[in-house]
Amino acid sequence: MGGFLGAVARYTTINCIPKLSNSNFPFGTFPVNISGCFLLGFFISLTTKKITVDPNIKLLFTVGFTGAYTTFSTFSYETAALIKSGNFLLATVNMAASVSVGIISLLSGMMLGQIL
């Protein structure tokens, strides 16, 4: 169930966001992965110390929803496509931004989960 909802959320987001830009940069996958990192960090932090959640619900959200919502394989494919098309700068920006902003988002979610 979590995987289904995550996949639908990813599909909807990825297909809505690129329509806002004419760039070759993967503006659909990037915010999905970043927001997924934030949500995962927030949920784990919140449910580890603040709120008791059934282990099955934790799995539904962490493995199911965020696992299906975020997409490393699409990130890799889009980065490889940028490299193949000669867009080395955009490929590098995508790799550096996805990893660094993803980790920052995860940590931000964890911090917010600890505050609440």
N, C-alpha and C. Protein backbone atom coordinates (compact mmCIF):
# COMPACT_ATOMS: atom_id res chain seq x y z
N MET A 1 0.82 -1.19 0.00
CA MET A 1 0.00 0.00 0.00
C MET A 1 0.88 1.26 0.00
N GLY A 2 1.91 1.25 0.85
CA GLY A 2 2.82 2.41 0.91
C GLY A 2 3.55 2.60 -0.41
N GLY A 3 4.00 1.49 -0.99
CA GLY A 3 4.69 1.55 -2.28
C GLY A 3 3.80 2.09 -3.37
N PHE A 4 2.56 1.67 -3.37
CA PHE A 4 1.59 2.16 -4.36
C PHE A 4 1.41 3.67 -4.23
N LEU A 5 1.20 4.14 -3.00
CA LEU A 5 0.99 5.57 -2.79
C LEU A 5 2.25 6.38 -3.14
N GLY A 6 3.42 5.84 -2.79
CA GLY A 6 4.67 6.52 -3.12
C GLY A 6 4.89 6.60 -4.62
N ALA A 7 4.58 5.52 -5.32
CA ALA A 7 4.75 5.49 -6.78
C ALA A 7 3.80 6.48 -7.46
N VAL A 8 2.58 6.54 -6.99
CA VAL A 8 1.60 7.49 -7.54
C VAL A 8 2.05 8.93 -7.27
N ALA A 9 2.53 9.18 -6.06
CA ALA A 9 3.01 10.53 -5.71
C ALA A 9 4.21 10.92 -6.57
N ARG A 10 5.13 9.97 -6.79
CA ARG A 10 6.31 10.24 -7.62
C ARG A 10 5.89 10.53 -9.06
N TYR A 11 5.05 9.68 -9.61
CA TYR A 11 4.60 9.84 -10.99
C TYR A 11 3.93 11.21 -11.18
N THR A 12 3.06 11.55 -10.26
CA THR A 12 2.34 12.83 -10.34
C THR A 12 3.31 14.00 -10.27
N THR A 13 4.23 13.95 -9.32
CA THR A 13 5.18 15.04 -9.14
C THR A 13 6.11 15.18 -10.34
N ILE A 14 6.69 14.07 -10.77
CA ILE A 14 7.64 14.12 -11.88
C ILE A 14 6.97 14.60 -13.16
N ASN A 15 5.73 14.25 -13.37
CA ASN A 15 5.05 14.65 -14.59
C ASN A 15 4.46 16.05 -14.53
N CYS A 16 4.37 16.63 -13.38
CA CYS A 16 3.86 18.00 -13.26
C CYS A 16 4.99 19.02 -13.30
N ILE A 17 6.08 18.74 -12.61
CA ILE A 17 7.14 19.72 -12.47
C ILE A 17 7.87 20.05 -13.76
N PRO A 18 8.27 19.07 -14.60
CA PRO A 18 9.02 19.43 -15.80
C PRO A 18 8.26 20.35 -16.76
N LYS A 19 6.96 20.34 -16.68
CA LYS A 19 6.17 21.20 -17.56
C LYS A 19 6.39 22.68 -17.24
N LEU A 20 6.99 22.95 -16.09
CA LEU A 20 7.24 24.33 -15.69
C LEU A 20 8.56 24.86 -16.23
N SER A 21 9.36 23.99 -16.84
CA SER A 21 10.69 24.39 -17.28
C SER A 21 11.02 23.77 -18.64
N ASN A 22 11.80 24.49 -19.43
CA ASN A 22 12.26 23.98 -20.72
C ASN A 22 13.70 23.50 -20.65
N SER A 23 14.26 23.42 -19.46
CA SER A 23 15.65 23.03 -19.27
C SER A 23 15.83 21.52 -19.43
N ASN A 24 17.06 21.11 -19.69
CA ASN A 24 17.40 19.68 -19.74
C ASN A 24 17.61 19.10 -18.35
N PHE A 25 17.73 19.96 -17.34
CA PHE A 25 17.95 19.50 -15.97
C PHE A 25 16.72 18.72 -15.50
N PRO A 26 16.92 17.61 -14.81
CA PRO A 26 15.79 16.78 -14.37
C PRO A 26 15.03 17.40 -13.19
N PHE A 27 14.26 18.43 -13.49
CA PHE A 27 13.54 19.14 -12.45
C PHE A 27 12.41 18.32 -11.83
N GLY A 28 12.05 17.21 -12.38
CA GLY A 28 11.04 16.36 -11.77
C GLY A 28 11.63 15.43 -10.73
N THR A 29 12.70 14.74 -11.08
CA THR A 29 13.31 13.76 -10.18
C THR A 29 13.99 14.44 -9.00
N PHE A 30 14.66 15.55 -9.23
CA PHE A 30 15.41 16.22 -8.17
C PHE A 30 14.52 16.57 -6.97
N PRO A 31 13.41 17.30 -7.15
CA PRO A 31 12.60 17.64 -5.96
C PRO A 31 11.94 16.41 -5.32
N VAL A 32 11.65 15.39 -6.11
CA VAL A 32 11.09 14.17 -5.53
C VAL A 32 12.12 13.55 -4.58
N ASN A 33 13.35 13.40 -5.03
CA ASN A 33 14.38 12.80 -4.20
C ASN A 33 14.68 13.64 -2.97
N ILE A 34 14.73 14.96 -3.13
CA ILE A 34 15.03 15.85 -2.01
C ILE A 34 13.89 15.83 -0.99
N SER A 35 12.66 15.95 -1.46
CA SER A 35 11.54 15.92 -0.51
C SER A 35 11.41 14.55 0.14
N GLY A 36 11.72 13.49 -0.59
CA GLY A 36 11.70 12.15 -0.01
C GLY A 36 12.73 12.00 1.09
N CYS A 37 13.91 12.57 0.89
CA CYS A 37 14.95 12.54 1.93
C CYS A 37 14.46 13.27 3.18
N PHE A 38 13.86 14.44 2.97
CA PHE A 38 13.34 15.22 4.10
C PHE A 38 12.26 14.43 4.84
N LEU A 39 11.30 13.90 4.09
CA LEU A 39 10.20 13.15 4.72
C LEU A 39 10.71 11.95 5.50
N LEU A 40 11.67 11.23 4.94
CA LEU A 40 12.23 10.06 5.61
C LEU A 40 12.93 10.47 6.91
N GLY A 41 13.76 11.51 6.83
CA GLY A 41 14.46 11.98 8.04
C GLY A 41 13.49 12.45 9.10
N PHE A 42 12.48 13.20 8.70
CA PHE A 42 11.47 13.71 9.62
C PHE A 42 10.71 12.56 10.29
N PHE A 43 10.24 11.63 9.48
CA PHE A 43 9.43 10.52 9.99
C PHE A 43 10.24 9.65 10.95
N ILE A 44 11.46 9.32 10.57
CA ILE A 44 12.29 8.46 11.42
C ILE A 44 12.60 9.16 12.73
N SER A 45 12.96 10.42 12.67
CA SER A 45 13.28 11.16 13.88
C SER A 45 12.05 11.28 14.78
N LEU A 46 10.94 11.62 14.20
CA LEU A 46 9.70 11.81 14.96
C LEU A 46 9.23 10.51 15.61
N THR A 47 9.34 9.42 14.89
CA THR A 47 8.82 8.15 15.41
C THR A 47 9.85 7.36 16.22
N THR A 48 11.06 7.86 16.31
CA THR A 48 12.06 7.18 17.12
C THR A 48 12.02 7.67 18.56
N LYS A 49 11.81 8.98 18.74
CA LYS A 49 11.88 9.53 20.09
C LYS A 49 10.59 10.16 20.59
N LYS A 50 9.74 10.60 19.69
CA LYS A 50 8.58 11.39 20.11
C LYS A 50 7.27 10.61 20.08
N ILE A 51 7.04 9.87 19.03
CA ILE A 51 5.76 9.21 18.81
C ILE A 51 5.99 7.72 18.63
N THR A 52 5.20 6.92 19.32
CA THR A 52 5.28 5.47 19.14
C THR A 52 4.37 5.09 17.98
N VAL A 53 4.96 4.41 17.00
CA VAL A 53 4.22 4.00 15.81
C VAL A 53 4.40 2.49 15.65
N ASP A 54 3.35 1.83 15.26
CA ASP A 54 3.40 0.40 14.99
C ASP A 54 4.51 0.12 13.98
N PRO A 55 5.33 -0.89 14.22
CA PRO A 55 6.43 -1.22 13.30
C PRO A 55 5.96 -1.43 11.85
N ASN A 56 4.77 -1.96 11.67
CA ASN A 56 4.25 -2.15 10.31
C ASN A 56 3.97 -0.81 9.62
N ILE A 57 3.51 0.17 10.38
CA ILE A 57 3.27 1.51 9.83
C ILE A 57 4.61 2.15 9.46
N LYS A 58 5.62 1.94 10.32
CA LYS A 58 6.96 2.46 9.99
C LYS A 58 7.45 1.89 8.68
N LEU A 59 7.31 0.58 8.51
CA LEU A 59 7.73 -0.06 7.26
C LEU A 59 6.90 0.43 6.08
N LEU A 60 5.61 0.60 6.29
CA LEU A 60 4.73 1.09 5.23
C LEU A 60 5.23 2.44 4.71
N PHE A 61 5.63 3.31 5.63
CA PHE A 61 6.08 4.64 5.21
C PHE A 61 7.53 4.65 4.74
N THR A 62 8.44 4.07 5.54
CA THR A 62 9.87 4.19 5.19
C THR A 62 10.26 3.35 3.99
N VAL A 63 9.89 2.09 4.00
CA VAL A 63 10.26 1.21 2.88
C VAL A 63 9.26 1.35 1.74
N GLY A 64 7.98 1.36 2.08
CA GLY A 64 6.94 1.42 1.05
C GLY A 64 6.84 2.77 0.38
N PHE A 65 6.37 3.78 1.12
CA PHE A 65 6.11 5.08 0.50
C PHE A 65 7.38 5.76 0.02
N THR A 66 8.34 6.01 0.94
CA THR A 66 9.53 6.75 0.50
C THR A 66 10.40 5.92 -0.44
N GLY A 67 10.37 4.60 -0.27
CA GLY A 67 11.13 3.74 -1.19
C GLY A 67 10.61 3.83 -2.61
N ALA A 68 9.31 3.90 -2.76
CA ALA A 68 8.72 4.01 -4.10
C ALA A 68 8.68 5.45 -4.58
N TYR A 69 8.61 6.40 -3.64
CA TYR A 69 8.52 7.82 -4.01
C TYR A 69 9.86 8.33 -4.55
N THR A 70 10.93 8.03 -3.86
CA THR A 70 12.25 8.47 -4.33
C THR A 70 12.75 7.47 -5.36
N THR A 71 13.69 7.91 -6.19
CA THR A 71 14.08 7.03 -7.28
C THR A 71 15.52 7.25 -7.69
N PHE A 72 16.40 6.45 -7.11
CA PHE A 72 17.81 6.53 -7.45
C PHE A 72 18.07 6.07 -8.88
N SER A 73 17.32 5.10 -9.32
CA SER A 73 17.54 4.60 -10.69
C SER A 73 17.20 5.67 -11.73
N THR A 74 16.15 6.43 -11.50
CA THR A 74 15.81 7.51 -12.44
C THR A 74 16.87 8.60 -12.39
N PHE A 75 17.33 8.93 -11.20
CA PHE A 75 18.41 9.90 -11.04
C PHE A 75 19.64 9.45 -11.84
N SER A 76 19.99 8.19 -11.72
CA SER A 76 21.15 7.66 -12.45
C SER A 76 20.94 7.70 -13.96
N TYR A 77 19.77 7.31 -14.39
CA TYR A 77 19.45 7.31 -15.82
C TYR A 77 19.50 8.72 -16.39
N GLU A 78 18.88 9.67 -15.71
CA GLU A 78 18.85 11.04 -16.21
C GLU A 78 20.25 11.67 -16.21
N THR A 79 21.06 11.33 -15.23
CA THR A 79 22.43 11.82 -15.19
C THR A 79 23.24 11.22 -16.35
N ALA A 80 23.07 9.93 -16.60
CA ALA A 80 23.77 9.29 -17.72
C ALA A 80 23.32 9.88 -19.05
N ALA A 81 22.03 10.20 -19.17
CA ALA A 81 21.52 10.81 -20.40
C ALA A 81 22.15 12.19 -20.61
N LEU A 82 22.32 12.95 -19.54
CA LEU A 82 22.98 14.26 -19.65
C LEU A 82 24.42 14.09 -20.11
N ILE A 83 25.11 13.10 -19.57
CA ILE A 83 26.50 12.84 -19.97
C ILE A 83 26.55 12.42 -21.44
N LYS A 84 25.69 11.51 -21.86
CA LYS A 84 25.67 11.05 -23.25
C LYS A 84 25.40 12.19 -24.22
N SER A 85 24.56 13.14 -23.80
CA SER A 85 24.23 14.25 -24.70
C SER A 85 25.26 15.38 -24.63
N GLY A 86 26.30 15.19 -23.82
CA GLY A 86 27.36 16.18 -23.74
C GLY A 86 27.12 17.28 -22.72
N ASN A 87 26.07 17.16 -21.94
CA ASN A 87 25.77 18.16 -20.90
C ASN A 87 26.49 17.81 -19.60
N PHE A 88 27.83 17.87 -19.66
CA PHE A 88 28.63 17.48 -18.51
C PHE A 88 28.41 18.39 -17.31
N LEU A 89 28.23 19.66 -17.55
CA LEU A 89 28.01 20.60 -16.46
C LEU A 89 26.70 20.28 -15.73
N LEU A 90 25.62 20.09 -16.49
CA LEU A 90 24.34 19.76 -15.86
C LEU A 90 24.39 18.40 -15.14
N ALA A 91 25.11 17.45 -15.72
CA ALA A 91 25.26 16.15 -15.07
C ALA A 91 25.98 16.30 -13.73
N THR A 92 27.02 17.09 -13.73
CA THR A 92 27.79 17.32 -12.49
C THR A 92 26.95 18.06 -11.46
N VAL A 93 26.22 19.08 -11.91
CA VAL A 93 25.34 19.83 -10.99
C VAL A 93 24.28 18.89 -10.42
N ASN A 94 23.70 18.04 -11.26
CA ASN A 94 22.68 17.12 -10.80
C ASN A 94 23.24 16.16 -9.75
N MET A 95 24.42 15.60 -10.00
CA MET A 95 25.02 14.67 -9.05
C MET A 95 25.35 15.37 -7.73
N ALA A 96 26.05 16.50 -7.83
CA ALA A 96 26.47 17.21 -6.62
C ALA A 96 25.27 17.72 -5.82
N ALA A 97 24.31 18.31 -6.51
CA ALA A 97 23.15 18.87 -5.82
C ALA A 97 22.27 17.77 -5.23
N SER A 98 22.05 16.71 -5.96
CA SER A 98 21.19 15.63 -5.47
C SER A 98 21.75 15.00 -4.20
N VAL A 99 23.05 14.73 -4.20
CA VAL A 99 23.65 14.10 -3.03
C VAL A 99 23.73 15.08 -1.86
N SER A 100 24.28 16.27 -2.10
CA SER A 100 24.47 17.20 -0.99
C SER A 100 23.14 17.74 -0.45
N VAL A 101 22.26 18.16 -1.33
CA VAL A 101 20.97 18.69 -0.87
C VAL A 101 20.11 17.57 -0.30
N GLY A 102 20.25 16.36 -0.82
CA GLY A 102 19.53 15.22 -0.26
C GLY A 102 19.92 14.95 1.18
N ILE A 103 21.21 14.96 1.45
CA ILE A 103 21.68 14.74 2.82
C ILE A 103 21.27 15.89 3.74
N ILE A 104 21.39 17.11 3.25
CA ILE A 104 20.95 18.27 4.03
C ILE A 104 19.45 18.18 4.32
N SER A 105 18.67 17.76 3.35
CA SER A 105 17.22 17.61 3.55
C SER A 105 16.91 16.54 4.57
N LEU A 106 17.61 15.41 4.49
CA LEU A 106 17.41 14.34 5.46
C LEU A 106 17.72 14.84 6.87
N LEU A 107 18.85 15.52 7.03
CA LEU A 107 19.22 16.05 8.34
C LEU A 107 18.23 17.12 8.82
N SER A 108 17.75 17.95 7.90
CA SER A 108 16.76 18.97 8.27
C SER A 108 15.47 18.31 8.75
N GLY A 109 15.04 17.28 8.07
CA GLY A 109 13.85 16.55 8.51
C GLY A 109 14.06 15.92 9.88
N MET A 110 15.23 15.38 10.11
CA MET A 110 15.52 14.78 11.41
C MET A 110 15.51 15.84 12.51
N MET A 111 16.09 17.00 12.22
CA MET A 111 16.10 18.08 13.21
C MET A 111 14.69 18.55 13.52
N LEU A 112 13.86 18.71 12.49
CA LEU A 112 12.49 19.14 12.70
C LEU A 112 11.72 18.09 13.50
N GLY A 113 11.95 16.83 13.20
CA GLY A 113 11.30 15.76 13.95
C GLY A 113 11.69 15.75 15.41
N GLN A 114 12.92 16.13 15.71
CA GLN A 114 13.36 16.19 17.11
C GLN A 114 12.78 17.39 17.84
N ILE A 115 12.56 18.48 17.12
CA ILE A 115 12.01 19.70 17.72
C ILE A 115 10.54 19.51 18.07
N LEU A 116 9.79 18.85 17.19
CA LEU A 116 8.35 18.71 17.42
C LEU A 116 8.03 17.76 18.53
